[in-house]
PDB file of N, CA and C in Angstrom:
ATOM      1  N   MET A   1       9.542  14.650  -2.046  1.00  0.00           N
ATOM      2  CA  MET A   1       9.964  15.285  -3.300  1.00  0.00           C
ATOM      3  C   MET A   1       9.654  16.763  -3.196  1.00  0.00           C
ATOM      4  N   GLN A   2      10.602  17.576  -3.729  1.00  0.00           N
ATOM      5  CA  GLN A   2      10.285  19.058  -3.647  1.00  0.00           C
ATOM      6  C   GLN A   2      10.030  19.588  -5.181  1.00  0.00           C
ATOM      7  N   PHE A   3       9.400  20.672  -5.128  1.00  0.00           N
ATOM      8  CA  PHE A   3       8.867  21.216  -6.415  1.00  0.00           C
ATOM      9  C   PHE A   3       9.440  22.689  -6.469  1.00  0.00           C
ATOM     10  N   ASN A   4      10.697  22.830  -6.340  1.00  0.00           N
ATOM     11  CA  ASN A   4      11.424  24.193  -6.273  1.00  0.00           C
ATOM     12  C   ASN A   4      12.082  24.578  -7.647  1.00  0.00           C
ATOM     13  N   LEU A   5      12.281  23.663  -8.564  1.00  0.00           N
ATOM     14  CA  LEU A   5      12.973  23.960  -9.750  1.00  0.00           C
ATOM     15  C   LEU A   5      12.089  24.828 -10.692  1.00  0.00           C
ATOM     16  N   LYS A   6      12.680  25.738 -11.330  1.00  0.00           N
ATOM     17  CA  LYS A   6      11.857  26.670 -12.171  1.00  0.00           C
ATOM     18  C   LYS A   6      12.093  26.507 -13.673  1.00  0.00           C
ATOM     19  N   ARG A   7      13.247  25.890 -14.074  1.00  0.00           N
ATOM     20  CA  ARG A   7      13.668  25.778 -15.453  1.00  0.00           C
ATOM     21  C   ARG A   7      14.343  24.440 -15.571  1.00  0.00           C
ATOM     22  N   PRO A   8      14.382  23.933 -16.709  1.00  0.00           N
ATOM     23  CA  PRO A   8      15.047  22.538 -16.971  1.00  0.00           C
ATOM     24  C   PRO A   8      16.566  22.714 -16.974  1.00  0.00           C
ATOM     25  N   CYS A   9      17.198  21.667 -16.447  1.00  0.00           N
ATOM     26  CA  CYS A   9      18.728  21.597 -16.501  1.00  0.00           C
ATOM     27  C   CYS A   9      19.144  21.414 -17.946  1.00  0.00           C
ATOM     28  N   ALA A  10      20.479  21.585 -18.139  1.00  0.00           N
ATOM     29  CA  ALA A  10      21.010  21.472 -19.368  1.00  0.00           C
ATOM     30  C   ALA A  10      20.810  20.082 -20.139  1.00  0.00           C
ATOM     31  N   ASN A  11      20.673  19.083 -19.398  1.00  0.00           N
ATOM     32  CA  ASN A  11      20.447  17.771 -19.914  1.00  0.00           C
ATOM     33  C   ASN A  11      19.107  17.281 -19.765  1.00  0.00           C
ATOM     34  N   CYS A  12      18.201  18.061 -19.492  1.00  0.00           N
ATOM     35  CA  CYS A  12      16.770  17.686 -19.240  1.00  0.00           C
ATOM     36  C   CYS A  12      16.187  16.947 -20.603  1.00  0.00           C
ATOM     37  N   PRO A  13      15.574  15.866 -20.469  1.00  0.00           N
ATOM     38  CA  PRO A  13      15.036  15.162 -21.595  1.00  0.00           C
ATOM     39  C   PRO A  13      13.831  15.957 -22.252  1.00  0.00           C
ATOM     40  N   PHE A  14      13.187  16.858 -21.466  1.00  0.00           N
ATOM     41  CA  PHE A  14      12.103  17.621 -21.986  1.00  0.00           C
ATOM     42  C   PHE A  14      12.558  18.857 -22.769  1.00  0.00           C
ATOM     43  N   ARG A  15      13.798  19.198 -22.829  1.00  0.00           N
ATOM     44  CA  ARG A  15      14.295  20.326 -23.602  1.00  0.00           C
ATOM     45  C   ARG A  15      14.159  20.016 -25.135  1.00  0.00           C
ATOM     46  N   ASN A  16      13.697  21.038 -25.871  1.00  0.00           N
ATOM     47  CA  ASN A  16      13.571  20.852 -27.336  1.00  0.00           C
ATOM     48  C   ASN A  16      14.704  21.583 -28.087  1.00  0.00           C
ATOM     49  N   ASP A  17      15.658  22.014 -27.474  1.00  0.00           N
ATOM     50  CA  ASP A  17      16.710  22.784 -28.142  1.00  0.00           C
ATOM     51  C   ASP A  17      18.072  22.058 -28.094  1.00  0.00           C
ATOM     52  N   LYS A  18      17.964  20.770 -27.858  1.00  0.00           N
ATOM     53  CA  LYS A  18      19.300  19.936 -27.889  1.00  0.00           C
ATOM     54  C   LYS A  18      19.325  18.818 -28.876  1.00  0.00           C
ATOM     55  N   PRO A  19      19.490  19.262 -30.213  1.00  0.00           N
ATOM     56  CA  PRO A  19      19.536  18.288 -31.225  1.00  0.00           C
ATOM     57  C   PRO A  19      20.469  17.078 -31.071  1.00  0.00           C
ATOM     58  N   ASP A  20      21.587  17.289 -30.316  1.00  0.00           N
ATOM     59  CA  ASP A  20      22.521  16.196 -30.088  1.00  0.00           C
ATOM     60  C   ASP A  20      21.911  15.147 -29.101  1.00  0.00           C
ATOM     61  N   GLN A  21      20.739  15.387 -28.394  1.00  0.00           N
ATOM     62  CA  GLN A  21      20.162  14.488 -27.579  1.00  0.00           C
ATOM     63  C   GLN A  21      18.989  13.776 -28.269  1.00  0.00           C
ATOM     64  N   GLN A  22      18.737  14.073 -29.488  1.00  0.00           N
ATOM     65  CA  GLN A  22      17.609  13.451 -30.240  1.00  0.00           C
ATOM     66  C   GLN A  22      17.889  11.973 -30.216  1.00  0.00           C
ATOM     67  N   GLY A  23      16.801  11.180 -29.947  1.00  0.00           N
ATOM     68  CA  GLY A  23      16.777   9.712 -29.882  1.00  0.00           C
ATOM     69  C   GLY A  23      17.437   9.188 -28.628  1.00  0.00           C
ATOM     70  N   TRP A  24      17.857  10.049 -27.713  1.00  0.00           N
ATOM     71  CA  TRP A  24      18.484   9.672 -26.466  1.00  0.00           C
ATOM     72  C   TRP A  24      17.740   8.673 -25.635  1.00  0.00           C
ATOM     73  N   LEU A  25      16.471   9.002 -25.438  1.00  0.00           N
ATOM     74  CA  LEU A  25      15.578   8.038 -24.582  1.00  0.00           C
ATOM     75  C   LEU A  25      15.078   6.879 -25.348  1.00  0.00           C
ATOM     76  N   GLY A  26      14.728   7.068 -26.652  1.00  0.00           N
ATOM     77  CA  GLY A  26      14.007   6.038 -27.449  1.00  0.00           C
ATOM     78  C   GLY A  26      12.654   6.362 -27.240  1.00  0.00           C
ATOM     79  N   ALA A  27      11.813   5.998 -28.268  1.00  0.00           N
ATOM     80  CA  ALA A  27      10.411   6.346 -28.303  1.00  0.00           C
ATOM     81  C   ALA A  27       9.589   5.581 -27.224  1.00  0.00           C
ATOM     82  N   LEU A  28       9.939   4.399 -26.942  1.00  0.00           N
ATOM     83  CA  LEU A  28       9.238   3.552 -25.846  1.00  0.00           C
ATOM     84  C   LEU A  28       9.425   4.305 -24.494  1.00  0.00           C
ATOM     85  N   ARG A  29      10.709   4.533 -24.186  1.00  0.00           N
ATOM     86  CA  ARG A  29      10.980   5.184 -22.773  1.00  0.00           C
ATOM     87  C   ARG A  29      10.313   6.447 -22.788  1.00  0.00           C
ATOM     88  N   ALA A  30      10.310   7.245 -23.725  1.00  0.00           N
ATOM     89  CA  ALA A  30       9.675   8.631 -23.829  1.00  0.00           C
ATOM     90  C   ALA A  30       8.099   8.415 -23.624  1.00  0.00           C
ATOM     91  N   ALA A  31       7.605   7.446 -24.328  1.00  0.00           N
ATOM     92  CA  ALA A  31       6.126   7.152 -24.179  1.00  0.00           C
ATOM     93  C   ALA A  31       5.760   6.732 -22.754  1.00  0.00           C
ATOM     94  N   ASP A  32       6.637   5.850 -22.140  1.00  0.00           N
ATOM     95  CA  ASP A  32       6.416   5.403 -20.776  1.00  0.00           C
ATOM     96  C   ASP A  32       6.496   6.608 -19.735  1.00  0.00           C
ATOM     97  N   ILE A  33       7.403   7.521 -19.989  1.00  0.00           N
ATOM     98  CA  ILE A  33       7.393   8.701 -19.201  1.00  0.00           C
ATOM     99  C   ILE A  33       6.166   9.474 -19.212  1.00  0.00           C
ATOM    100  N   ILE A  34       5.712   9.755 -20.418  1.00  0.00           N
ATOM    101  CA  ILE A  34       4.431  10.539 -20.617  1.00  0.00           C
ATOM    102  C   ILE A  34       3.253   9.831 -20.051  1.00  0.00           C
ATOM    103  N   VAL A  35       3.143   8.440 -20.201  1.00  0.00           N
ATOM    104  CA  VAL A  35       2.009   7.795 -19.518  1.00  0.00           C
ATOM    105  C   VAL A  35       2.202   7.934 -17.999  1.00  0.00           C
ATOM    106  N   ALA A  36       3.422   7.708 -17.450  1.00  0.00           N
ATOM    107  CA  ALA A  36       3.560   7.891 -15.993  1.00  0.00           C
ATOM    108  C   ALA A  36       3.195   9.231 -15.513  1.00  0.00           C
ATOM    109  N   ILE A  37       3.508  10.334 -16.075  1.00  0.00           N
ATOM    110  CA  ILE A  37       3.292  11.668 -15.500  1.00  0.00           C
ATOM    111  C   ILE A  37       1.833  12.069 -15.899  1.00  0.00           C
ATOM    112  N   THR A  38       1.138  11.576 -16.769  1.00  0.00           N
ATOM    113  CA  THR A  38      -0.237  12.043 -17.139  1.00  0.00           C
ATOM    114  C   THR A  38      -1.233  10.898 -16.653  1.00  0.00           C
ATOM    115  N   ALA A  39      -1.324   9.839 -17.334  1.00  0.00           N
ATOM    116  CA  ALA A  39      -2.470   8.961 -17.060  1.00  0.00           C
ATOM    117  C   ALA A  39      -2.264   8.287 -15.701  1.00  0.00           C
ATOM    118  N   GLN A  40      -1.007   7.937 -15.296  1.00  0.00           N
ATOM    119  CA  GLN A  40      -0.802   7.322 -14.049  1.00  0.00           C
ATOM    120  C   GLN A  40      -0.521   8.348 -12.918  1.00  0.00           C
ATOM    121  N   GLN A  41      -0.567   9.642 -13.265  1.00  0.00           N
ATOM    122  CA  GLN A  41      -0.482  10.671 -12.261  1.00  0.00           C
ATOM    123  C   GLN A  41       0.860  10.594 -11.370  1.00  0.00           C
ATOM    124  N   GLY A  42       1.939  10.228 -12.063  1.00  0.00           N
ATOM    125  CA  GLY A  42       3.201  10.005 -11.350  1.00  0.00           C
ATOM    126  C   GLY A  42       4.091  11.231 -11.289  1.00  0.00           C
ATOM    127  N   THR A  43       5.072  11.230 -10.637  1.00  0.00           N
ATOM    128  CA  THR A  43       6.133  12.251 -10.521  1.00  0.00           C
ATOM    129  C   THR A  43       7.234  11.775 -11.326  1.00  0.00           C
ATOM    130  N   PHE A  44       8.107  12.776 -11.673  1.00  0.00           N
ATOM    131  CA  PHE A  44       9.339  12.452 -12.458  1.00  0.00           C
ATOM    132  C   PHE A  44      10.479  13.304 -11.878  1.00  0.00           C
ATOM    133  N   SER A  45      11.385  12.570 -11.223  1.00  0.00           N
ATOM    134  CA  SER A  45      12.572  13.185 -10.455  1.00  0.00           C
ATOM    135  C   SER A  45      13.539  13.782 -11.455  1.00  0.00           C
ATOM    136  N   CYS A  46      14.106  14.909 -11.033  1.00  0.00           N
ATOM    137  CA  CYS A  46      15.277  15.566 -11.883  1.00  0.00           C
ATOM    138  C   CYS A  46      16.469  14.620 -11.542  1.00  0.00           C
ATOM    139  N   HIS A  47      17.075  14.096 -12.621  1.00  0.00           N
ATOM    140  CA  HIS A  47      18.198  13.248 -12.420  1.00  0.00           C
ATOM    141  C   HIS A  47      19.387  13.758 -11.720  1.00  0.00           C
ATOM    142  N   LYS A  48      19.456  15.056 -11.705  1.00  0.00           N
ATOM    143  CA  LYS A  48      20.547  15.682 -10.930  1.00  0.00           C
ATOM    144  C   LYS A  48      20.360  15.780  -9.458  1.00  0.00           C
ATOM    145  N   THR A  49      19.153  15.446  -8.907  1.00  0.00           N
ATOM    146  CA  THR A  49      18.754  15.565  -7.560  1.00  0.00           C
ATOM    147  C   THR A  49      18.545  14.175  -6.929  1.00  0.00           C
ATOM    148  N   THR A  50      18.953  13.081  -7.613  1.00  0.00           N
ATOM    149  CA  THR A  50      18.781  11.694  -7.056  1.00  0.00           C
ATOM    150  C   THR A  50      20.172  11.131  -6.883  1.00  0.00           C
ATOM    151  N   ASP A  51      20.202  10.106  -6.114  1.00  0.00           N
ATOM    152  CA  ASP A  51      21.352   9.275  -5.976  1.00  0.00           C
ATOM    153  C   ASP A  51      21.213   7.908  -6.747  1.00  0.00           C
ATOM    154  N   ILE A  52      22.320   7.249  -6.927  1.00  0.00           N
ATOM    155  CA  ILE A  52      22.306   5.964  -7.555  1.00  0.00           C
ATOM    156  C   ILE A  52      22.824   4.848  -6.610  1.00  0.00           C
ATOM    157  N   GLY A  53      22.053   3.766  -6.410  1.00  0.00           N
ATOM    158  CA  GLY A  53      22.316   2.799  -5.434  1.00  0.00           C
ATOM    159  C   GLY A  53      23.380   1.871  -6.039  1.00  0.00           C
ATOM    160  N   ASP A  54      23.728   0.876  -5.195  1.00  0.00           N
ATOM    161  CA  ASP A  54      24.835  -0.029  -5.549  1.00  0.00           C
ATOM    162  C   ASP A  54      24.493  -0.921  -6.702  1.00  0.00           C
ATOM    163  N   GLU A  55      23.234  -1.104  -7.070  1.00  0.00           N
ATOM    164  CA  GLU A  55      22.803  -1.863  -8.196  1.00  0.00           C
ATOM    165  C   GLU A  55      22.344  -1.018  -9.392  1.00  0.00           C
ATOM    166  N   GLY A  56      22.616   0.287  -9.258  1.00  0.00           N
ATOM    167  CA  GLY A  56      22.314   1.178 -10.386  1.00  0.00           C
ATOM    168  C   GLY A  56      20.840   1.781 -10.373  1.00  0.00           C
ATOM    169  N   GLU A  57      20.214   1.436  -9.238  1.00  0.00           N
ATOM    170  CA  GLU A  57      18.918   1.966  -9.078  1.00  0.00           C
ATOM    171  C   GLU A  57      18.836   3.406  -8.642  1.00  0.00           C
ATOM    172  N   VAL A  58      17.781   4.121  -9.115  1.00  0.00           N
ATOM    173  CA  VAL A  58      17.617   5.518  -8.719  1.00  0.00           C
ATOM    174  C   VAL A  58      17.027   5.567  -7.304  1.00  0.00           C
ATOM    175  N   ILE A  59      17.715   6.413  -6.490  1.00  0.00           N
ATOM    176  CA  ILE A  59      17.242   6.618  -5.078  1.00  0.00           C
ATOM    177  C   ILE A  59      16.872   8.077  -4.867  1.00  0.00           C
ATOM    178  N   GLU A  60      15.614   8.225  -4.404  1.00  0.00           N
ATOM    179  CA  GLU A  60      15.218   9.663  -4.034  1.00  0.00           C
ATOM    180  C   GLU A  60      15.625   9.904  -2.708  1.00  0.00           C
ATOM    181  N   THR A  61      15.939  11.173  -2.480  1.00  0.00           N
ATOM    182  CA  THR A  61      16.316  11.625  -1.127  1.00  0.00           C
ATOM    183  C   THR A  61      15.468  12.806  -0.716  1.00  0.00           C
ATOM    184  N   LYS A  62      15.664  13.273   0.469  1.00  0.00           N
ATOM    185  CA  LYS A  62      14.890  14.438   0.948  1.00  0.00           C
ATOM    186  C   LYS A  62      15.093  15.691   0.045  1.00  0.00           C
ATOM    187  N   ASN A  63      16.139  15.647  -0.667  1.00  0.00           N
ATOM    188  CA  ASN A  63      16.497  16.825  -1.594  1.00  0.00           C
ATOM    189  C   ASN A  63      16.108  16.631  -3.058  1.00  0.00           C
ATOM    190  N   THR A  64      15.457  15.423  -3.366  1.00  0.00           N
ATOM    191  CA  THR A  64      15.037  15.198  -4.693  1.00  0.00           C
ATOM    192  C   THR A  64      13.990  16.191  -5.148  1.00  0.00           C
ATOM    193  N   GLN A  65      14.262  16.753  -6.342  1.00  0.00           N
ATOM    194  CA  GLN A  65      13.287  17.681  -6.891  1.00  0.00           C
ATOM    195  C   GLN A  65      12.433  17.077  -8.113  1.00  0.00           C
ATOM    196  N   HIS A  66      11.319  17.519  -8.241  1.00  0.00           N
ATOM    197  CA  HIS A  66      10.568  17.145  -9.499  1.00  0.00           C
ATOM    198  C   HIS A  66      11.267  17.798 -10.671  1.00  0.00           C
ATOM    199  N   CYS A  67      11.306  17.183 -11.780  1.00  0.00           N
ATOM    200  CA  CYS A  67      11.923  17.650 -13.035  1.00  0.00           C
ATOM    201  C   CYS A  67      11.039  18.921 -13.423  1.00  0.00           C
ATOM    202  N   ALA A  68      11.837  20.028 -13.620  1.00  0.00           N
ATOM    203  CA  ALA A  68      11.100  21.322 -14.032  1.00  0.00           C
ATOM    204  C   ALA A  68      10.617  21.127 -15.531  1.00  0.00           C
ATOM    205  N   GLY A  69      11.380  20.450 -16.357  1.00  0.00           N
ATOM    206  CA  GLY A  69      10.859  20.231 -17.721  1.00  0.00           C
ATOM    207  C   GLY A  69       9.524  19.442 -17.743  1.00  0.00           C
ATOM    208  N   ALA A  70       9.373  18.451 -16.905  1.00  0.00           N
ATOM    209  CA  ALA A  70       8.202  17.768 -16.911  1.00  0.00           C
ATOM    210  C   ALA A  70       7.122  18.710 -16.353  1.00  0.00           C
ATOM    211  N   LEU A  71       7.294  19.428 -15.361  1.00  0.00           N
ATOM    212  CA  LEU A  71       6.349  20.370 -14.840  1.00  0.00           C
ATOM    213  C   LEU A  71       5.813  21.361 -15.917  1.00  0.00           C
ATOM    214  N   ILE A  72       6.899  21.920 -16.609  1.00  0.00           N
ATOM    215  CA  ILE A  72       6.502  22.917 -17.667  1.00  0.00           C
ATOM    216  C   ILE A  72       5.747  22.268 -18.740  1.00  0.00           C
ATOM    217  N   LEU A  73       6.034  21.054 -19.167  1.00  0.00           N
ATOM    218  CA  LEU A  73       5.283  20.363 -20.224  1.00  0.00           C
ATOM    219  C   LEU A  73       3.838  20.144 -19.824  1.00  0.00           C
ATOM    220  N   LEU A  74       3.716  19.600 -18.584  1.00  0.00           N
ATOM    221  CA  LEU A  74       2.301  19.359 -17.955  1.00  0.00           C
ATOM    222  C   LEU A  74       1.543  20.594 -17.889  1.00  0.00           C
ATOM    223  N   GLU A  75       2.177  21.731 -17.553  1.00  0.00           N
ATOM    224  CA  GLU A  75       1.436  22.997 -17.442  1.00  0.00           C
ATOM    225  C   GLU A  75       1.103  23.474 -18.982  1.00  0.00           C
ATOM    226  N   LYS A  76       2.013  23.291 -19.833  1.00  0.00           N
ATOM    227  CA  LYS A  76       1.735  23.703 -21.323  1.00  0.00           C
ATOM    228  C   LYS A  76       0.433  22.900 -21.831  1.00  0.00           C
ATOM    229  N   ILE A  77       0.378  21.650 -21.519  1.00  0.00           N
ATOM    230  CA  ILE A  77      -0.732  20.853 -22.040  1.00  0.00           C
ATOM    231  C   ILE A  77      -1.979  20.916 -21.181  1.00  0.00           C
ATOM    232  N   GLU A  78      -1.951  21.790 -20.122  1.00  0.00           N
ATOM    233  CA  GLU A  78      -2.998  21.911 -19.249  1.00  0.00           C
ATOM    234  C   GLU A  78      -3.469  20.662 -18.584  1.00  0.00           C
ATOM    235  N   ARG A  79      -2.495  19.891 -18.172  1.00  0.00           N
ATOM    236  CA  ARG A  79      -2.686  18.579 -17.485  1.00  0.00           C
ATOM    237  C   ARG A  79      -1.804  18.506 -16.232  1.00  0.00           C
ATOM    238  N   PRO A  80      -1.862  19.395 -15.309  1.00  0.00           N
ATOM    239  CA  PRO A  80      -1.138  19.213 -14.130  1.00  0.00           C
ATOM    240  C   PRO A  80      -1.567  18.006 -13.423  1.00  0.00           C
ATOM    241  N   ASN A  81      -0.686  17.091 -13.054  1.00  0.00           N
ATOM    242  CA  ASN A  81      -1.102  15.764 -12.426  1.00  0.00           C
ATOM    243  C   ASN A  81      -1.496  15.993 -10.919  1.00  0.00           C
ATOM    244  N   GLN A  82      -1.949  14.903 -10.425  1.00  0.00           N
ATOM    245  CA  GLN A  82      -2.462  14.935  -9.026  1.00  0.00           C
ATOM    246  C   GLN A  82      -1.488  15.524  -8.050  1.00  0.00           C
ATOM    247  N   MET A  83      -0.194  15.096  -8.060  1.00  0.00           N
ATOM    248  CA  MET A  83       0.752  15.533  -7.187  1.00  0.00           C
ATOM    249  C   MET A  83       1.084  17.062  -7.312  1.00  0.00           C
ATOM    250  N   MET A  84       1.079  17.532  -8.448  1.00  0.00           N
ATOM    251  CA  MET A  84       1.247  18.929  -8.698  1.00  0.00           C
ATOM    252  C   MET A  84       0.088  19.718  -8.101  1.00  0.00           C
ATOM    253  N   ARG A  85      -1.106  19.267  -8.244  1.00  0.00           N
ATOM    254  CA  ARG A  85      -2.180  19.998  -7.754  1.00  0.00           C
ATOM    255  C   ARG A  85      -2.262  19.904  -6.182  1.00  0.00           C
ATOM    256  N   TRP A  86      -1.902  18.797  -5.675  1.00  0.00           N
ATOM    257  CA  TRP A  86      -1.865  18.618  -4.280  1.00  0.00           C
ATOM    258  C   TRP A  86      -0.740  19.627  -3.608  1.00  0.00           C
ATOM    259  N   MET A  87       0.493  19.522  -4.156  1.00  0.00           N
ATOM    260  CA  MET A  87       1.527  20.339  -3.689  1.00  0.00           C
ATOM    261  C   MET A  87       1.163  21.844  -3.837  1.00  0.00           C
ATOM    262  N   GLU A  88       0.485  22.172  -4.881  1.00  0.00           N
ATOM    263  CA  GLU A  88       0.080  23.643  -4.986  1.00  0.00           C
ATOM    264  C   GLU A  88      -0.964  23.970  -3.825  1.00  0.00           C
ATOM    265  N   ARG A  89      -1.873  23.060  -3.576  1.00  0.00           N
ATOM    266  CA  ARG A  89      -2.869  23.337  -2.514  1.00  0.00           C
ATOM    267  C   ARG A  89      -2.189  23.622  -1.158  1.00  0.00           C
ATOM    268  N   ILE A  90      -1.132  22.934  -0.860  1.00  0.00           N
ATOM    269  CA  ILE A  90      -0.449  23.025   0.494  1.00  0.00           C
ATOM    270  C   ILE A  90       0.661  24.050   0.410  1.00  0.00           C
ATOM    271  N   GLY A  91       0.792  24.839  -0.743  1.00  0.00           N
ATOM    272  CA  GLY A  91       1.798  25.844  -0.893  1.00  0.00           C
ATOM    273  C   GLY A  91       3.273  25.356  -1.114  1.00  0.00           C
ATOM    274  N   LYS A  92       3.405  24.179  -1.683  1.00  0.00           N
ATOM    275  CA  LYS A  92       4.738  23.768  -1.905  1.00  0.00           C
ATOM    276  C   LYS A  92       5.090  23.680  -3.376  1.00  0.00           C
ATOM    277  N   TYR A  93       4.200  24.191  -4.197  1.00  0.00           N
ATOM    278  CA  TYR A  93       4.331  24.311  -5.672  1.00  0.00           C
ATOM    279  C   TYR A  93       3.569  25.578  -6.153  1.00  0.00           C
ATOM    280  N   ASP A  94       4.317  26.327  -6.911  1.00  0.00           N
ATOM    281  CA  ASP A  94       3.628  27.571  -7.488  1.00  0.00           C
ATOM    282  C   ASP A  94       4.021  27.486  -9.013  1.00  0.00           C
ATOM    283  N   ARG A  95       2.973  27.264  -9.814  1.00  0.00           N
ATOM    284  CA  ARG A  95       3.111  27.144 -11.256  1.00  0.00           C
ATOM    285  C   ARG A  95       3.539  28.570 -11.908  1.00  0.00           C
ATOM    286  N   ASN A  96       3.216  29.593 -11.191  1.00  0.00           N
ATOM    287  CA  ASN A  96       3.565  30.931 -11.703  1.00  0.00           C
ATOM    288  C   ASN A  96       5.078  31.249 -11.673  1.00  0.00           C
ATOM    289  N   ARG A  97       5.862  30.418 -10.897  1.00  0.00           N
ATOM    290  CA  ARG A  97       7.324  30.575 -10.794  1.00  0.00           C
ATOM    291  C   ARG A  97       8.044  29.846 -11.828  1.00  0.00           C
ATOM    292  N   LEU A  98       7.302  28.940 -12.656  1.00  0.00           N
ATOM    293  CA  LEU A  98       8.074  28.224 -13.597  1.00  0.00           C
ATOM    294  C   LEU A  98       8.420  29.177 -14.743  1.00  0.00           C
ATOM    295  N   ASP A  99       9.481  28.876 -15.454  1.00  0.00           N
ATOM    296  CA  ASP A  99       9.984  29.603 -16.628  1.00  0.00           C
ATOM    297  C   ASP A  99       9.279  28.974 -17.809  1.00  0.00           C
ATOM    298  N   MET A 100       8.098  29.496 -18.187  1.00  0.00           N
ATOM    299  CA  MET A 100       7.356  28.938 -19.261  1.00  0.00           C
ATOM    300  C   MET A 100       7.942  29.239 -20.533  1.00  0.00           C
ATOM    301  N   ASN A 101       8.915  30.124 -20.629  1.00  0.00           N
ATOM    302  CA  ASN A 101       9.639  30.461 -21.899  1.00  0.00           C
ATOM    303  C   ASN A 101      10.792  29.518 -22.162  1.00  0.00           C
ATOM    304  N   ALA A 102      11.088  28.621 -21.204  1.00  0.00           N
ATOM    305  CA  ALA A 102      12.195  27.695 -21.198  1.00  0.00           C
ATOM    306  C   ALA A 102      12.007  26.797 -22.459  1.00  0.00           C
ATOM    307  N   PRO A 103      13.107  26.263 -23.065  1.00  0.00           N
ATOM    308  CA  PRO A 103      12.957  25.409 -24.312  1.00  0.00           C
ATOM    309  C   PRO A 103      12.481  24.067 -23.910  1.00  0.00           C
ATOM    310  N   VAL A 104      11.118  23.945 -23.779  1.00  0.00           N
ATOM    311  CA  VAL A 104      10.526  22.671 -23.444  1.00  0.00           C
ATOM    312  C   VAL A 104       9.524  22.406 -24.544  1.00  0.00           C
ATOM    313  N   PHE A 105       9.323  21.062 -24.836  1.00  0.00           N
ATOM    314  CA  PHE A 105       8.279  20.696 -25.830  1.00  0.00           C
ATOM    315  C   PHE A 105       6.935  21.305 -25.537  1.00  0.00           C
ATOM    316  N   ASP A 106       6.178  21.483 -26.530  1.00  0.00           N
ATOM    317  CA  ASP A 106       4.825  22.091 -26.337  1.00  0.00           C
ATOM    318  C   ASP A 106       3.727  21.041 -26.151  1.00  0.00           C
ATOM    319  N   ASN A 107       4.157  19.809 -26.510  1.00  0.00           N
ATOM    320  CA  ASN A 107       3.188  18.710 -26.429  1.00  0.00           C
ATOM    321  C   ASN A 107       3.839  17.354 -26.249  1.00  0.00           C
ATOM    322  N   THR A 108       3.099  16.368 -25.904  1.00  0.00           N
ATOM    323  CA  THR A 108       3.660  15.021 -25.589  1.00  0.00           C
ATOM    324  C   THR A 108       4.128  14.394 -26.775  1.00  0.00           C
ATOM    325  N   SER A 109       3.439  14.510 -27.970  1.00  0.00           N
ATOM    326  CA  SER A 109       3.659  13.840 -29.250  1.00  0.00           C
ATOM    327  C   SER A 109       5.082  14.331 -29.774  1.00  0.00           C
ATOM    328  N   ASP A 110       5.333  15.624 -29.630  1.00  0.00           N
ATOM    329  CA  ASP A 110       6.645  16.115 -30.070  1.00  0.00           C
ATOM    330  C   ASP A 110       7.798  15.549 -29.177  1.00  0.00           C
ATOM    331  N   PHE A 111       7.581  15.485 -27.908  1.00  0.00           N
ATOM    332  CA  PHE A 111       8.489  14.897 -26.975  1.00  0.00           C
ATOM    333  C   PHE A 111       8.850  13.497 -27.405  1.00  0.00           C
ATOM    334  N   ILE A 112       7.822  12.637 -27.636  1.00  0.00           N
ATOM    335  CA  ILE A 112       8.063  11.223 -27.934  1.00  0.00           C
ATOM    336  C   ILE A 112       8.821  11.142 -29.415  1.00  0.00           C
ATOM    337  N   GLU A 113       8.301  11.892 -30.322  1.00  0.00           N
ATOM    338  CA  GLU A 113       8.860  11.855 -31.624  1.00  0.00           C
ATOM    339  C   GLU A 113      10.380  12.233 -31.577  1.00  0.00           C
ATOM    340  N   PHE A 114      10.727  13.261 -30.818  1.00  0.00           N
ATOM    341  CA  PHE A 114      12.092  13.686 -30.718  1.00  0.00           C
ATOM    342  C   PHE A 114      13.031  12.532 -30.270  1.00  0.00           C
ATOM    343  N   HIS A 115      12.487  11.732 -29.256  1.00  0.00           N
ATOM    344  CA  HIS A 115      13.319  10.677 -28.666  1.00  0.00           C
ATOM    345  C   HIS A 115      13.189   9.363 -29.419  1.00  0.00           C
ATOM    346  N   ARG A 116      12.502   9.360 -30.570  1.00  0.00           N
ATOM    347  CA  ARG A 116      12.315   8.150 -31.470  1.00  0.00           C
ATOM    348  C   ARG A 116      13.692   7.792 -31.963  1.00  0.00           C
TER     349      ARG A 116
END
């Protein structure tokens, strides 16, 4: 997985400026994502950089990018996960290159509530 994206895409679920996407994920899926990227220290792929398999499964490729919206949210709440810290140490991620002014939620509660 690569960590080169700097700002969220137009359809990023972490954007807070898309009222037409409110409720899109549902509160349970939104909460699952937050648990995965915080407590479970997981990554979250940008949907525009993955492939879809024959059975509808998401397939990561060598070009798959980490979701910039997720990175920005994690930096805003001062909880970079293990993969972010590791990639930063080996020079593959630079938090200073993120667009911290991008329209991304400021906290996990607002993210979950938006998708309720």
